[in-house]
Amino acid sequence: MSPSQPPSLPASPEVIDIERALNRITYLSTRARQHDRPMALAGVPLDRAAVALLRQIADSEPLRPGELANRLGVEASHVTRQVQQLEKTGYVRRVPDPDDRRAQRIELTPQGQEAIDRIRAVGVRGMQAALAAWSPDDLRQLATLFHRMVDDFLAAAVDDEAFQEILEAARPASS
């Protein structure tokens, strides 16, 4: 077994069902129509990568482009290109990093905040329509468990990154 492969443990039927459901959600959410329609309703002509970047910026303090890339799990060059496009369209701006005046952080402009607010409003309306038959208790339970799952996924990803760093540091240097 290579270090990058997870240990081979028998999966419970519940975990298998969750993995299948997550794959269905991922498939549904990555279809072009699932992106284009909400963007049209929100009046925001941005692609998925730009929206993901706007959401990340909106959910945090102004960040350096490299930190945005880390949080999104993409190459820094992708973020740099997206930031340039979002600057041209007036959704983000660069501000000096208070910790290092030579560096810059990226923040939303008022136009960017308005765009992300419209995108989220459309998403919430769609989610509310899809889950209209659910009880408030079911919705609370789903929200609690979903946040818990995401937190555990993030913790596992961090643990895996730390494990990979330890393995790389322990490898003998090649001559």
Protein backbone atom coordinates (compact mmCIF):
# COMPACT_ATOMS: atom_id res chain seq x y z
CA MET A 1 0.00 0.00 0.00
CA SER A 2 1.43 3.39 -0.93
CA PRO A 3 1.42 6.24 1.64
CA SER A 4 -1.07 8.23 -0.45
CA GLN A 5 -3.70 5.48 -0.37
CA PRO A 6 -6.08 5.24 2.59
CA PRO A 7 -5.95 2.08 4.67
CA SER A 8 -8.21 -0.66 3.41
CA LEU A 9 -10.95 -0.89 6.03
CA PRO A 10 -14.33 -2.47 5.48
CA ALA A 11 -16.86 0.30 4.89
CA SER A 12 -20.21 0.21 6.64
CA PRO A 13 -23.35 0.30 4.49
CA GLU A 14 -24.08 3.75 5.94
CA VAL A 15 -20.71 5.14 4.83
CA ILE A 16 -21.23 3.64 1.37
CA ASP A 17 -24.66 5.31 1.17
CA ILE A 18 -23.21 8.66 2.29
CA GLU A 19 -20.41 8.43 -0.29
CA ARG A 20 -22.97 7.71 -3.03
CA ALA A 21 -25.19 10.60 -1.92
CA LEU A 22 -22.22 12.99 -1.89
CA ASN A 23 -21.25 11.88 -5.38
CA ARG A 24 -24.81 12.56 -6.56
CA ILE A 25 -24.74 16.03 -4.97
CA THR A 26 -21.36 16.74 -6.54
CA TYR A 27 -22.58 15.63 -9.95
CA LEU A 28 -25.72 17.72 -9.70
CA SER A 29 -23.87 20.80 -8.48
CA THR A 30 -21.17 20.66 -11.15
CA ARG A 31 -23.50 20.46 -14.14
CA ALA A 32 -23.28 23.65 -16.20
CA ARG A 33 -27.03 24.17 -16.02
CA GLN A 34 -26.84 24.07 -12.22
CA HIS A 35 -24.42 27.00 -12.37
CA ASP A 36 -25.72 29.01 -15.30
CA ARG A 37 -29.35 29.23 -14.21
CA PRO A 38 -28.67 30.62 -10.70
CA MET A 39 -26.10 33.05 -12.10
CA ALA A 40 -28.68 34.30 -14.60
CA LEU A 41 -31.28 34.66 -11.82
CA ALA A 42 -28.75 36.51 -9.67
CA GLY A 43 -27.67 38.69 -12.60
CA VAL A 44 -24.03 37.76 -12.04
CA PRO A 45 -22.17 36.67 -15.19
CA LEU A 46 -19.36 34.69 -13.53
CA ASP A 47 -18.04 31.18 -14.04
CA ARG A 48 -17.84 28.59 -11.28
CA ALA A 49 -14.20 29.28 -10.42
CA ALA A 50 -14.87 33.01 -10.00
CA VAL A 51 -17.90 32.35 -7.82
CA ALA A 52 -15.92 29.91 -5.63
CA LEU A 53 -13.25 32.58 -5.18
CA LEU A 54 -15.82 35.28 -4.37
CA ARG A 55 -17.45 32.99 -1.81
CA GLN A 56 -14.09 32.28 -0.16
CA ILE A 57 -13.23 35.97 0.00
CA ALA A 58 -16.68 36.80 1.38
CA ASP A 59 -16.35 34.16 4.10
CA SER A 60 -13.03 35.43 5.45
CA GLU A 61 -10.96 38.49 6.17
CA PRO A 62 -8.94 39.80 3.21
CA LEU A 63 -6.40 37.12 2.29
CA ARG A 64 -3.25 36.93 0.22
CA PRO A 65 -3.70 35.19 -3.14
CA GLY A 66 -1.55 32.25 -2.00
CA GLU A 67 -3.76 31.69 1.03
CA LEU A 68 -6.85 31.83 -1.18
CA ALA A 69 -5.27 29.19 -3.42
CA ASN A 70 -4.54 26.97 -0.39
CA ARG A 71 -8.08 27.27 0.91
CA LEU A 72 -9.54 26.45 -2.50
CA GLY A 73 -7.05 23.66 -3.17
CA VAL A 74 -5.88 25.14 -6.48
CA GLU A 75 -2.64 26.45 -7.93
CA ALA A 76 -1.75 30.05 -7.09
CA SER A 77 -1.67 30.91 -10.81
CA HIS A 78 -5.39 30.04 -11.08
CA VAL A 79 -6.20 32.45 -8.27
CA THR A 80 -4.01 35.16 -9.77
CA ARG A 81 -5.86 34.95 -13.10
CA GLN A 82 -9.26 34.91 -11.41
CA VAL A 83 -8.36 37.87 -9.18
CA GLN A 84 -7.25 39.85 -12.22
CA GLN A 85 -10.58 39.16 -13.94
CA LEU A 86 -12.57 39.97 -10.82
CA GLU A 87 -10.63 43.22 -10.41
CA LYS A 88 -11.40 44.21 -14.00
CA THR A 89 -15.10 43.63 -13.42
CA GLY A 90 -15.03 45.54 -10.12
CA TYR A 91 -15.85 42.65 -7.77
CA VAL A 92 -12.57 42.63 -5.79
CA ARG A 93 -9.68 44.93 -5.02
CA ARG A 94 -6.17 44.54 -3.68
CA VAL A 95 -5.36 46.14 -0.34
CA PRO A 96 -2.01 46.36 1.47
CA ASP A 97 -1.28 43.55 3.90
CA PRO A 98 -1.06 45.21 7.34
CA ASP A 99 1.55 42.62 8.39
CA ASP A 100 3.78 43.20 5.34
CA ARG A 101 3.21 46.36 3.30
CA ARG A 102 4.99 44.78 0.31
CA ALA A 103 2.31 42.08 0.10
CA GLN A 104 -1.32 42.48 -0.88
CA ARG A 105 -4.57 40.93 0.23
CA ILE A 106 -7.77 40.55 -1.73
CA GLU A 107 -11.11 41.87 -0.51
CA LEU A 108 -14.58 42.27 -1.94
CA THR A 109 -15.71 45.63 -3.24
CA PRO A 110 -19.26 46.78 -2.50
CA GLN A 111 -20.15 45.50 -5.99
CA GLY A 112 -18.58 42.12 -5.14
CA GLN A 113 -20.49 41.94 -1.85
CA GLU A 114 -23.72 42.74 -3.65
CA ALA A 115 -23.00 40.01 -6.24
CA ILE A 116 -22.27 37.38 -3.60
CA ASP A 117 -25.38 38.39 -1.66
CA ARG A 118 -27.51 37.92 -4.80
CA ILE A 119 -25.85 34.57 -5.58
CA ARG A 120 -26.49 33.34 -2.03
CA ALA A 121 -30.10 34.59 -2.08
CA VAL A 122 -30.78 32.60 -5.26
CA GLY A 123 -29.09 29.53 -3.73
CA VAL A 124 -31.10 29.82 -0.52
CA ARG A 125 -34.37 30.17 -2.45
CA GLY A 126 -33.54 27.05 -4.46
CA MET A 127 -32.56 25.12 -1.35
CA GLN A 128 -35.69 26.28 0.46
CA ALA A 129 -37.88 25.14 -2.43
CA ALA A 130 -36.16 21.75 -2.61
CA LEU A 131 -36.48 21.19 1.15
CA ALA A 132 -39.92 22.76 1.64
CA ALA A 133 -41.48 19.50 2.86
CA TRP A 134 -38.82 19.00 5.56
CA SER A 135 -39.70 19.83 9.15
CA PRO A 136 -37.71 22.51 11.01
CA ASP A 137 -36.29 19.75 13.25
CA ASP A 138 -35.13 17.73 10.23
CA LEU A 139 -33.52 20.86 8.73
CA ARG A 140 -31.73 21.64 12.01
CA GLN A 141 -30.48 18.06 12.26
CA LEU A 142 -29.30 18.07 8.63
CA ALA A 143 -27.48 21.39 9.13
CA THR A 144 -25.82 20.17 12.32
CA LEU A 145 -24.71 16.87 10.81
CA PHE A 146 -23.60 18.49 7.55
CA HIS A 147 -21.40 21.02 9.37
CA ARG A 148 -20.00 18.24 11.53
CA MET A 149 -19.20 16.16 8.44
CA VAL A 150 -17.48 19.07 6.69
CA ASP A 151 -15.45 19.84 9.82
CA ASP A 152 -14.38 16.19 10.02
CA PHE A 153 -13.48 16.16 6.30
CA LEU A 154 -11.36 19.28 6.79
CA ALA A 155 -9.65 17.81 9.85
CA ALA A 156 -8.91 14.59 7.95
CA ALA A 157 -7.49 16.59 5.03
CA VAL A 158 -5.22 18.53 7.39
CA ASP A 159 -4.14 15.31 9.09
CA ASP A 160 -3.39 13.76 5.68
CA GLU A 161 -1.33 16.82 4.64
CA ALA A 162 0.61 16.69 7.91
CA PHE A 163 1.19 12.95 7.45
CA GLN A 164 2.46 13.54 3.89
CA GLU A 165 4.84 16.26 5.15
CA ILE A 166 6.19 13.90 7.83
CA LEU A 167 6.72 11.15 5.23
CA GLU A 168 8.51 13.53 2.87
CA ALA A 169 10.74 14.85 5.66
CA ALA A 170 11.62 11.29 6.71
CA ARG A 171 12.61 10.16 3.21
CA PRO A 172 16.36 9.90 2.74
CA ALA A 173 17.78 12.59 0.50
CA SER A 174 18.82 11.27 -2.89
CA SER A 175 22.46 11.79 -3.79
